[in-house]
Every structure is written in structure tokens, then in C-alpha cells.
Protein backbone atom coordinates (compact mmCIF):
# COMPACT_ATOMS: atom_id res chain seq x y z
CA MET A 1 179.38 119.86 268.79
CA LEU A 2 176.45 122.20 268.27
CA LYS A 3 174.35 121.81 265.19
CA CYS A 4 173.04 125.00 263.33
CA LYS A 5 169.36 124.87 262.79
CA SER A 6 168.32 126.32 259.39
CA PHE A 7 164.96 127.34 257.87
CA THR A 8 163.05 124.70 256.17
CA LEU A 9 161.86 125.25 252.65
CA ILE A 10 158.31 125.60 253.86
CA GLU A 11 159.28 128.28 256.37
CA LEU A 12 161.24 130.17 253.73
CA VAL A 13 158.39 130.09 251.24
CA THR A 14 155.97 131.20 253.94
CA SER A 15 158.17 134.12 254.96
CA VAL A 16 158.62 135.29 251.40
CA SER A 17 154.88 135.02 250.80
CA ILE A 18 154.07 137.09 253.89
CA PHE A 19 156.62 139.72 252.88
CA ALA A 20 155.19 139.85 249.36
CA ILE A 21 151.67 140.22 250.68
CA LEU A 22 152.71 143.04 253.01
CA THR A 23 154.55 144.74 250.15
CA ILE A 24 151.51 144.49 247.90
CA VAL A 25 149.29 145.90 250.66
CA VAL A 26 151.67 148.80 251.32
CA LEU A 27 152.05 149.57 247.61
CA SER A 28 148.31 149.37 247.13
CA LEU A 29 147.74 151.76 250.02
CA TYR A 30 150.41 154.08 248.67
CA SER A 31 148.85 153.99 245.17
CA THR A 32 145.43 154.71 246.65
CA ILE A 33 146.80 157.61 248.68
CA VAL A 34 148.60 159.04 245.64
CA THR A 35 145.50 158.66 243.46
CA LYS A 36 143.30 160.30 246.06
CA HIS A 37 145.83 163.09 246.50
CA ARG A 38 145.90 163.71 242.76
CA ALA A 39 142.12 163.62 242.67
CA ALA A 40 142.00 166.11 245.54
CA VAL A 41 144.48 168.39 243.77
CA GLU A 42 142.52 168.18 240.52
CA THR A 43 139.25 168.71 242.34
CA GLN A 44 140.69 171.77 244.05
CA MET A 45 142.03 173.06 240.73
CA VAL A 46 138.63 172.66 239.05
CA ASN A 47 136.87 174.14 242.07
CA ASP A 48 139.23 177.15 242.15
CA ASN A 49 138.80 177.72 238.43
CA ILE A 50 135.03 177.68 238.31
CA ARG A 51 134.73 179.64 241.57
CA TYR A 52 136.94 182.32 240.09
CA ALA A 53 134.85 182.38 236.90
CA MET A 54 131.67 182.50 238.97
CA GLU A 55 132.91 185.37 241.13
CA VAL A 56 134.04 187.39 238.12
CA MET A 57 130.69 186.99 236.36
CA SER A 58 128.73 187.63 239.56
CA ARG A 59 130.69 190.82 240.25
CA ASP A 60 130.06 192.14 236.76
CA ILE A 61 126.35 191.30 236.95
CA GLU A 62 126.07 193.07 240.30
CA GLU A 63 127.96 196.13 239.08
CA GLY A 64 126.47 196.32 235.60
CA ARG A 65 123.26 195.72 233.72
CA ILE A 66 122.27 192.52 231.94
CA ARG A 67 121.47 193.45 228.36
CA ALA A 68 120.95 190.20 226.49
CA LEU A 69 121.26 186.44 226.25
CA MET A 70 122.62 185.43 222.86
CA ASP A 71 123.78 182.49 220.74
CA LYS A 72 121.09 179.96 221.54
CA ASN A 73 122.17 176.36 221.10
CA GLU A 74 119.40 174.61 219.18
CA GLU A 75 120.28 171.18 220.61
CA THR A 76 120.19 172.17 224.27
CA GLY A 77 117.87 175.18 224.00
CA LYS A 78 120.29 177.13 226.19
CA TYR A 79 121.93 180.48 225.54
CA THR A 80 125.73 180.44 225.57
CA THR A 81 126.49 184.18 225.69
CA LEU A 82 125.65 186.73 228.40
CA VAL A 83 125.92 190.46 227.54
CA ILE A 84 126.51 192.96 230.37
CA ASN A 85 126.74 196.75 230.22
CA LEU A 86 129.33 198.09 232.68
CA SER A 87 129.30 201.73 231.58
CA SER A 88 128.60 204.48 234.12
CA LYS A 89 128.52 207.11 231.37
CA ASN A 90 126.16 205.23 229.10
CA PRO A 91 124.13 202.88 231.33
CA GLY A 92 121.24 202.75 228.90
CA SER A 93 123.31 201.24 226.10
CA ASP A 94 121.95 197.90 224.86
CA CYS A 95 125.47 196.95 223.69
CA SER A 96 124.38 196.55 220.08
CA SER A 97 126.71 199.32 218.93
CA ASN A 98 128.60 200.75 221.93
CA VAL A 99 130.73 197.64 222.45
CA GLU A 100 133.26 199.63 224.47
CA ASP A 101 130.65 199.96 227.20
CA CYS A 102 130.03 196.25 227.46
CA LEU A 103 131.46 192.79 227.88
CA LYS A 104 130.32 189.35 226.80
CA TYR A 105 130.78 186.01 228.55
CA HIS A 106 130.63 183.08 226.15
CA PHE A 107 130.64 179.30 226.63
CA ASP A 108 132.79 177.86 223.85
CA MET A 109 131.26 174.41 223.40
CA ASN A 110 134.01 173.30 221.00
CA GLU A 111 136.90 174.04 223.35
CA ASN A 112 134.91 173.62 226.57
CA GLN A 113 136.11 176.93 227.94
CA LEU A 114 134.53 180.10 229.26
CA GLU A 115 135.69 183.09 227.20
CA VAL A 116 135.21 186.83 227.63
CA LYS A 117 135.13 189.77 225.22
CA THR A 118 135.96 193.13 226.79
CA LYS A 119 136.67 196.70 225.67
CA ASP A 120 140.36 195.77 225.65
CA GLU A 121 139.77 193.22 222.88
CA PRO A 122 136.40 194.23 221.36
CA ASN A 123 137.16 192.59 218.01
CA CYS A 124 138.18 189.16 219.26
CA ASP A 125 136.27 186.24 217.79
CA PHE A 126 134.58 183.55 219.87
CA SER A 127 134.70 181.19 216.91
CA LYS A 128 138.53 181.15 216.83
CA THR A 129 140.33 178.19 218.40
CA ASP A 130 142.62 178.43 221.40
CA GLY A 131 145.97 179.94 220.42
CA GLU A 132 144.67 181.12 217.06
CA GLU A 133 145.15 184.82 216.35
CA GLY A 134 142.04 186.80 217.24
CA ASP A 135 140.68 184.24 219.70
CA CYS A 136 138.97 185.70 222.77
CA PRO A 137 140.81 185.06 226.06
CA ALA A 138 139.55 182.29 228.34
CA ILE A 139 138.97 182.82 232.06
CA THR A 140 139.13 179.12 232.81
CA SER A 141 142.31 177.01 232.67
CA SER A 142 143.14 174.83 229.69
CA ASN A 143 143.41 171.98 232.22
CA VAL A 144 139.73 172.35 233.05
CA ILE A 145 136.89 171.15 230.86
CA VAL A 146 133.74 173.26 231.20
CA GLU A 147 130.98 170.79 230.43
CA ASP A 148 128.03 173.16 230.78
CA LEU A 149 127.24 176.80 231.49
CA SER A 150 123.67 177.92 232.01
CA PHE A 151 122.12 181.32 232.71
CA TYR A 152 118.65 181.45 234.23
CA ILE A 153 117.05 184.90 234.26
CA ASP A 154 113.72 185.96 235.73
CA ASP A 155 111.80 186.65 232.50
CA SER A 156 109.09 188.60 234.31
CA ILE A 157 111.35 191.63 234.67
CA ALA A 158 114.06 190.91 232.08
CA GLY A 159 114.77 194.04 230.05
CA ASN A 160 113.19 196.29 232.70
CA ASN A 161 115.32 199.40 233.09
CA ASP A 162 114.14 199.88 236.66
CA ARG A 163 115.13 196.47 238.01
CA GLN A 164 117.93 194.03 237.37
CA PRO A 165 116.40 190.53 237.17
CA ARG A 166 117.32 187.76 239.55
CA THR A 167 120.00 185.71 237.79
CA THR A 168 121.25 182.19 238.46
CA ILE A 169 124.49 180.86 236.98
CA VAL A 170 125.25 177.12 236.88
CA ILE A 171 128.69 175.84 235.84
CA LYS A 172 129.61 172.18 235.48
CA ALA A 173 133.29 171.32 234.95
CA LYS A 174 135.88 168.57 235.38
CA ALA A 175 139.65 168.10 235.11
CA LYS A 176 141.09 167.51 231.69
CA ASN A 177 143.09 164.54 233.05
CA GLU A 178 140.50 161.82 233.55
CA LYS A 179 142.91 159.16 234.88
CA THR A 180 141.89 159.90 238.44
CA GLY A 181 138.31 159.09 237.57
CA ILE A 182 136.82 162.04 239.47
CA SER A 183 133.35 163.14 238.51
CA GLY A 184 132.48 166.68 237.43
CA ILE A 185 131.86 169.52 239.86
CA THR A 186 128.70 171.63 239.62
CA LEU A 187 128.64 175.09 241.12
CA GLN A 188 125.58 177.32 241.29
CA LYS A 189 125.17 180.93 242.37
CA THR A 190 122.16 183.25 242.40
CA ILE A 191 122.49 187.02 242.14
CA ASP A 192 119.46 188.69 243.67
CA GLN A 193 117.51 191.24 241.68
CA LYS A 194 118.37 194.85 242.38
CA ASP A 195 116.67 198.20 242.04
CA LEU A 196 118.34 200.25 239.32
CA VAL A 197 116.32 203.40 239.79
CA ASN A 198 118.71 204.74 242.41
CA GLU A 199 121.44 204.90 239.79
CA TYR A 200 119.45 207.58 238.01
CA VAL A 201 118.08 209.58 240.95
CA GLY A 202 118.38 213.24 240.07
CA LYS A 203 119.56 212.39 236.54
CA VAL A 204 116.53 211.10 234.66
CA LYS A 205 114.62 213.63 232.59
CA VAL A 206 111.23 213.04 231.04
CA VAL A 207 109.60 214.32 227.86
CA ASN A 208 105.91 213.84 227.07
CA VAL A 209 104.81 215.12 223.68
CA ARG A 210 101.45 214.49 222.04
CA VAL A 211 100.52 214.66 218.37
CA ARG A 212 98.93 218.08 217.84
CA ASP A 213 96.36 219.03 215.19
CA ASN A 214 96.93 222.80 215.47
CA GLU A 215 93.53 223.55 213.96
CA GLY A 216 94.40 222.07 210.59
CA THR A 217 97.30 224.39 209.66
CA LYS A 218 99.63 221.40 209.94
CA GLU A 219 98.89 217.73 209.47
CA ASN A 220 100.84 215.94 212.17
CA ASP A 221 99.22 212.53 211.81
CA CYS A 222 97.79 210.42 209.03
CA TYR A 223 97.08 206.93 207.87
CA VAL A 224 97.84 205.59 204.43
CA THR A 225 96.17 202.93 202.33
CA ARG A 226 99.25 201.58 200.60
CA SER A 227 99.66 202.53 196.94
CA SER A 228 96.32 204.29 197.08
CA SER A 229 95.53 207.26 199.33
CA ILE A 230 96.46 209.27 202.42
CA ASN A 231 94.03 210.41 205.09
CA THR A 232 94.88 213.40 207.31
CA GLN A 233 91.46 214.61 208.49
CA GLU A 234 89.85 211.49 209.96
CA ASP A 235 88.82 211.06 213.59
CA PHE A 236 90.93 207.92 213.65
CA LEU A 237 94.16 206.41 212.39
CA LYS A 238 94.32 202.76 211.41
CA VAL A 239 97.01 200.15 210.91
CA GLY A 240 96.85 196.54 209.77
CA ARG A 241 94.97 194.68 207.06
CA TYR A 242 91.41 194.65 205.78
CA GLU A 243 90.82 192.26 202.88
CA THR A 244 93.50 193.30 200.34
CA ASN A 245 94.08 196.78 201.81
CA LEU A 246 97.15 197.45 203.95
CA PHE A 247 97.24 200.45 206.31
CA ASP A 248 100.14 202.35 207.87
CA ILE A 249 100.19 205.24 210.35
CA GLY A 250 102.45 208.29 210.53
CA MET A 251 102.77 210.43 213.71
CA ARG A 252 104.74 213.67 214.09
CA PHE A 253 105.71 214.70 217.61
CA PHE A 254 106.51 218.40 217.91
CA ASP A 255 105.72 221.49 219.99
CA GLU A 256 103.67 222.94 217.14
CA ASP A 257 102.39 226.07 218.88
CA GLY A 258 105.79 227.01 220.27
CA ASP A 259 104.60 227.38 223.85
CA GLY A 260 107.41 225.19 225.17
CA GLU A 261 105.00 222.52 226.40
CA GLY A 262 105.61 219.11 224.93
CA ASP A 263 108.85 220.22 223.32
CA ILE A 264 111.40 217.44 222.65
CA THR A 265 114.19 219.00 224.70
CA ILE A 266 116.60 216.10 224.32
CA PRO A 267 120.19 217.06 223.46
CA LYS A 268 122.14 215.24 220.80
CA GLY A 269 123.94 212.19 222.17
CA ALA A 270 121.74 211.79 225.26
CA THR A 271 121.21 208.29 226.66
CA ILE A 272 117.67 207.14 225.94
CA LEU A 273 116.44 204.85 228.71
CA ASN A 274 112.84 204.33 227.61
CA ALA A 275 110.57 205.53 224.82
CA ILE A 276 106.93 204.45 224.68
CA ILE A 277 103.95 205.62 222.62
CA THR A 278 100.50 205.36 224.20
CA PHE A 279 97.38 205.13 222.05
CA GLU A 280 93.64 205.23 222.74
CA ALA A 281 91.54 202.60 220.95
CA TYR A 282 88.92 204.19 218.68
CA LEU A 283 86.89 200.98 218.27
CA THR A 284 86.80 197.51 219.79
CA LYS A 285 88.69 195.02 217.62
CA SER A 286 90.44 191.64 217.93
CA GLY A 287 92.65 189.36 215.85
CA ASN A 288 96.32 188.64 215.24
CA MET A 289 98.38 191.74 214.46
CA ARG A 290 101.93 191.61 213.07
CA THR A 291 103.26 195.14 212.78
CA PHE A 292 106.39 197.17 213.43
CA LEU A 293 107.41 200.66 214.54
CA ILE A 294 110.12 202.61 212.73
CA GLY A 295 111.26 206.22 212.66
CA GLU A 296 111.82 208.77 209.92
CA ASN A 297 115.55 209.11 209.35
CA SER A 298 115.49 212.90 209.61
CA ASP A 299 116.85 215.38 212.15
CA ASN A 300 113.69 217.56 211.88
CA ALA A 301 110.82 215.73 210.19
CA ASP A 302 108.21 217.70 208.26
CA ASP A 303 104.44 217.31 208.67
CA PHE A 304 102.24 215.33 206.28
CA SER A 305 100.24 218.20 204.72
CA GLY A 306 101.95 217.86 201.32
CA ASP A 307 102.16 214.08 201.22
CA ASP A 308 100.36 211.51 199.13
CA ALA A 309 100.65 207.73 199.50
CA ASP A 310 103.83 207.60 197.42
CA THR A 311 105.68 210.46 199.15
CA PHE A 312 104.68 208.98 202.51
CA ALA A 313 106.23 205.66 201.50
CA SER A 314 109.38 207.36 200.18
CA ARG A 315 110.22 209.15 203.43
CA PRO A 316 113.57 207.78 204.67
CA ARG A 317 113.30 205.20 207.46
CA THR A 318 115.68 204.56 210.35
CA SER A 319 117.73 201.38 210.41
CA ALA A 320 116.34 200.67 213.90
CA SER A 321 112.84 199.24 214.11
CA VAL A 322 110.78 197.34 216.67
CA GLU A 323 108.37 194.49 215.94
CA TRP A 324 104.96 194.70 217.57
CA ASP A 325 102.99 191.48 217.30
CA PHE A 326 99.94 190.89 219.47
CA SER A 327 96.64 189.02 219.44
CA GLU A 328 94.74 190.43 222.41
CA GLY A 329 91.59 192.35 221.59
CA TRP A 330 91.41 196.12 221.97
CA GLU A 331 88.47 197.80 223.68
CA GLU A 332 87.08 201.15 222.65
CA GLY A 333 88.32 204.00 224.83
CA LYS A 334 91.12 202.06 226.54
CA LYS A 335 94.81 203.00 226.45
CA TYR A 336 97.47 200.73 224.94
CA SER A 337 101.24 201.18 224.95
CA SER A 338 103.83 200.27 222.34
CA PRO A 339 107.02 198.28 222.94
CA ASN A 340 110.12 200.25 223.89
CA ILE A 341 111.36 202.23 220.85
CA LYS A 342 114.41 203.77 222.55
CA ASP A 343 116.77 202.60 219.77
CA ILE A 344 114.68 204.41 217.17
CA ILE A 345 114.72 207.64 219.18
CA LYS A 346 118.44 207.24 219.80
CA GLU A 347 119.15 206.98 216.08
CA ILE A 348 117.10 210.11 215.34
CA ILE A 349 118.63 212.35 218.01
CA ASN A 350 122.12 211.33 216.90
CA GLN A 351 121.52 212.78 213.43
CA PRO A 352 124.12 215.47 212.51
CA GLY A 353 121.54 218.26 212.41
CA TRP A 354 119.54 217.33 215.48
CA VAL A 355 118.93 220.09 218.04
CA PRO A 356 116.51 220.15 220.99
CA GLY A 357 113.07 221.21 219.86
CA ASN A 358 113.14 219.45 216.49
CA ALA A 359 110.32 217.19 215.33
CA ILE A 360 110.28 213.38 215.32
CA VAL A 361 108.12 211.20 213.07
CA ILE A 362 107.31 207.62 214.02
CA PHE A 363 105.62 205.19 211.63
CA TRP A 364 103.45 202.28 212.76
CA GLU A 365 103.32 199.92 209.80
CA GLU A 366 101.61 196.73 208.77
CA SER A 367 103.77 193.61 208.38
CA ASN A 368 101.69 190.43 208.01
CA SER A 369 98.51 190.74 210.07
CA ASP A 370 95.46 188.54 209.65
CA SER A 371 92.73 190.03 207.47
CA ASP A 372 90.02 192.17 209.08
CA THR A 373 92.05 192.77 212.24
CA GLU A 374 93.10 196.39 211.66
CA ARG A 375 93.34 198.56 214.79
CA LYS A 376 91.92 202.07 214.89
CA ILE A 377 93.28 204.67 217.30
CA CYS A 378 92.10 208.18 218.11
CA SER A 379 93.76 210.85 215.97
CA ALA A 380 94.58 214.47 216.78
CA ASP A 381 91.36 215.43 214.93
CA CYS A 382 89.15 213.07 216.90
CA ASP A 383 85.89 214.51 218.26
CA TRP A 384 83.78 211.33 218.22
CA ASN A 385 82.79 208.80 220.87
CA ASN A 386 85.51 208.67 223.54
CA CYS A 387 87.60 211.30 221.77
CA ASP A 388 87.17 214.85 223.05
CA GLY A 389 89.08 216.62 220.27
CA ASP A 390 91.26 218.84 222.46
CA ASN A 391 94.41 216.69 222.19
CA THR A 392 94.68 216.37 225.98
CA ASP A 393 93.88 212.70 226.38
CA ASP A 394 93.26 210.98 223.07
CA ALA A 395 95.92 211.55 220.40
CA PRO A 396 99.07 209.41 220.54
CA ILE A 397 101.57 210.56 223.16
CA LEU A 398 105.31 209.84 223.15
CA HIS A 399 106.93 209.36 226.55
CA ILE A 400 110.74 209.49 226.65
CA GLU A 401 113.08 209.02 229.63
CA TYR A 402 116.70 210.05 229.17
CA ILE A 403 119.85 211.24 230.88
CA GLU A 404 122.29 213.77 229.45
């Protein structure tokens, strides 16, 4: 009779142990594969999201004009909002008022999303939370956490209307589900600078108009000692501070003799690209100057022949103004140019009664300069030193570039 040979207890325990070990190994491998697959899917999702956001922003930067960096975060020192003008009809707009021409990309640090404000939703609010009424739409998924968004712009040509600065965008993001343990993804793209002049070829028009004396029949420039006196016949104009005296300058730009030369032929509603005033230094002077330029809020400003210090001060001012702070010394006979005052000119030519040929008054006023630093410039009456008195080279000249 045959005997059946069975497994011993040791053999059984060994077999079960080997099977358990193999099962653990297989399950571990499976878990690793699943985890890596999920990580790959999440990585791809994050990558797709930030690449899409990057391409959208890059396209708009390439097609439009960078107008501003806004909303600086004091902790990081970085700006969280990029303003771009996409208008073909109004390319000179700085987006401060014509919001329909522009869009804004904003990094919402509270919700860790990249949001956009467009002409379709110009009144949306970046401060609203996701899902709240009035919140600006996000261009990144709610499953993606944007950890950082940085804009790096070449400051050497930023704000130049002839060239778009080289711009670098850096986005760092990660998946909202952190169970996979994947690290964040950083994506960087640089948009090369571009020449913007070609956009305006054949469109840009230029006006150059100088302050004219017109042999004393009209007083088109002056300087005022605040609360004291007005001076319309001096060789020079002066602005700034000397001891307790504060000085302001008024300049009227107009084709006074009616010969059509130097006429401000800008139609109402034109796009002002640049507006600069150039001065000639009457004397050498140095020191810290804190001043500002502002316009007269009038569609056809009168001359200064009937003014005193009080009526000069009471002339209506534009809401737009431009600060002009500088410390470099001025040398007698050299030319110096103001900051861009295009917004001031824009406000004036959009007055209801403005017509081409009207006069514009610009004030250069003292703000908080150091004492004994006042700057003197050649006036329309100047016939001393480097001034030749014929208004061809010395009196202030306003240069405006615009498109209709």
C-alpha cells in the first residue's frame, strides 16, 4: 500500500512566506507605478497649465505694448500685475483711462492663481475670491497652485515708445494635490525686444512750437515769485527755491504771428505718443530739484500780459501732471529736456472747445527743492550771453508726436 507524502509544517510555512513576500513586492511595485503615473499626470497637468498661461501672455506682449508694472508686493519686492495695450486704434494709450484698449495679468497671491482683466470684463476685481461675484477670471486651473510669477523688464528702454523692452516671465507652480510629493515646476520664457517704430510708419505727425515774444505785444512766458510778483520781461525764467522764495514758470505755445509755422495742428482726440519740452540753461547751477509740470485746463489758453501773481496761481490746472525731480547740475548754454508730458497734452486737446491752432499753456512749478538750487532758462525775451533773442534756438520749445 502506497503512502501519501504530505507537506511538513516547515515547508508550508516557508511556502506561505515566499508567497507573501512576492505579493508584497508586486503590490509595492504596483503602488510605485501608480504613484509615478499620478505624479506624471499631475506634472503634465501643471506643465500644460503654465505653458498655456505663458503662451497667452507672450502672445499678448508680442502683439501689444507693455504699459506698466503695478501692485508691488512689499515683502518680495516684485510686481504682481502686468499692463498691456492691445489697441491698434489707440496704441499710445497708457491704459490709465482707456481700459477697453488694454488688459491686465495679475498674480493673485491669496488664491495662487493667474487672473486676467480684459475689455470683456473691465470692471472685475482682482481682490475678489474665486467664485465670488465680480472676481476676475483665472487662466490657470483651480487644481494648480501658482507659487510665484515674476516679470523682468529691461529698464534701460522701459516706457520707450520706439522700442518694446526685452521681457522675461518666470512662473513657478505645482499641483494642488500634494500626496504624490512632486516638486514645483518652473518655466521661464524671454520675449525679445522689438522695434515699434514700424507700426507708425507714415502715420506719425510732428509739431514743434516755440514760445514766441512777438515784440512785446503778447507775453507768452513768465516766472512768478509766489504770492508776490510776476515777471514777463526778463531774459530768463526761473523755477525752484531761493531762501524763502518759491518760483514757478508759465509757457504759452502758440503760432502768435499767424504764419502757420509752429502752429499746434493737432485734432481733438488724436493719440499723443510723445510730448517733450526742451530748455536752454541760462546759468550754471546745481542742487536737488523737486518740481512738476502741469497744464492749464483750457481749450485755448490766454497769454500772461494781464496776469499778476494771484491770477497766475488761479488759472485752472489739468488733473494730469508729471513729476520732475533731478540733482544733476545744469551748464550755461546747454539744452535740457523735460519728462514726457503726453498725458497733459492729451487732456488739453480733449477739451470740448479744442480746435487745431489753439494755444497751450504749460506750467513748470516748484514742489520741494533744496534752497538756492533754482534753475534759470532762457526766455523768449533773452538777448544775453548764449541767448540770441530771435526765438530760433533759445526759448522753450514743445515737441509733440501724434497720430490721428
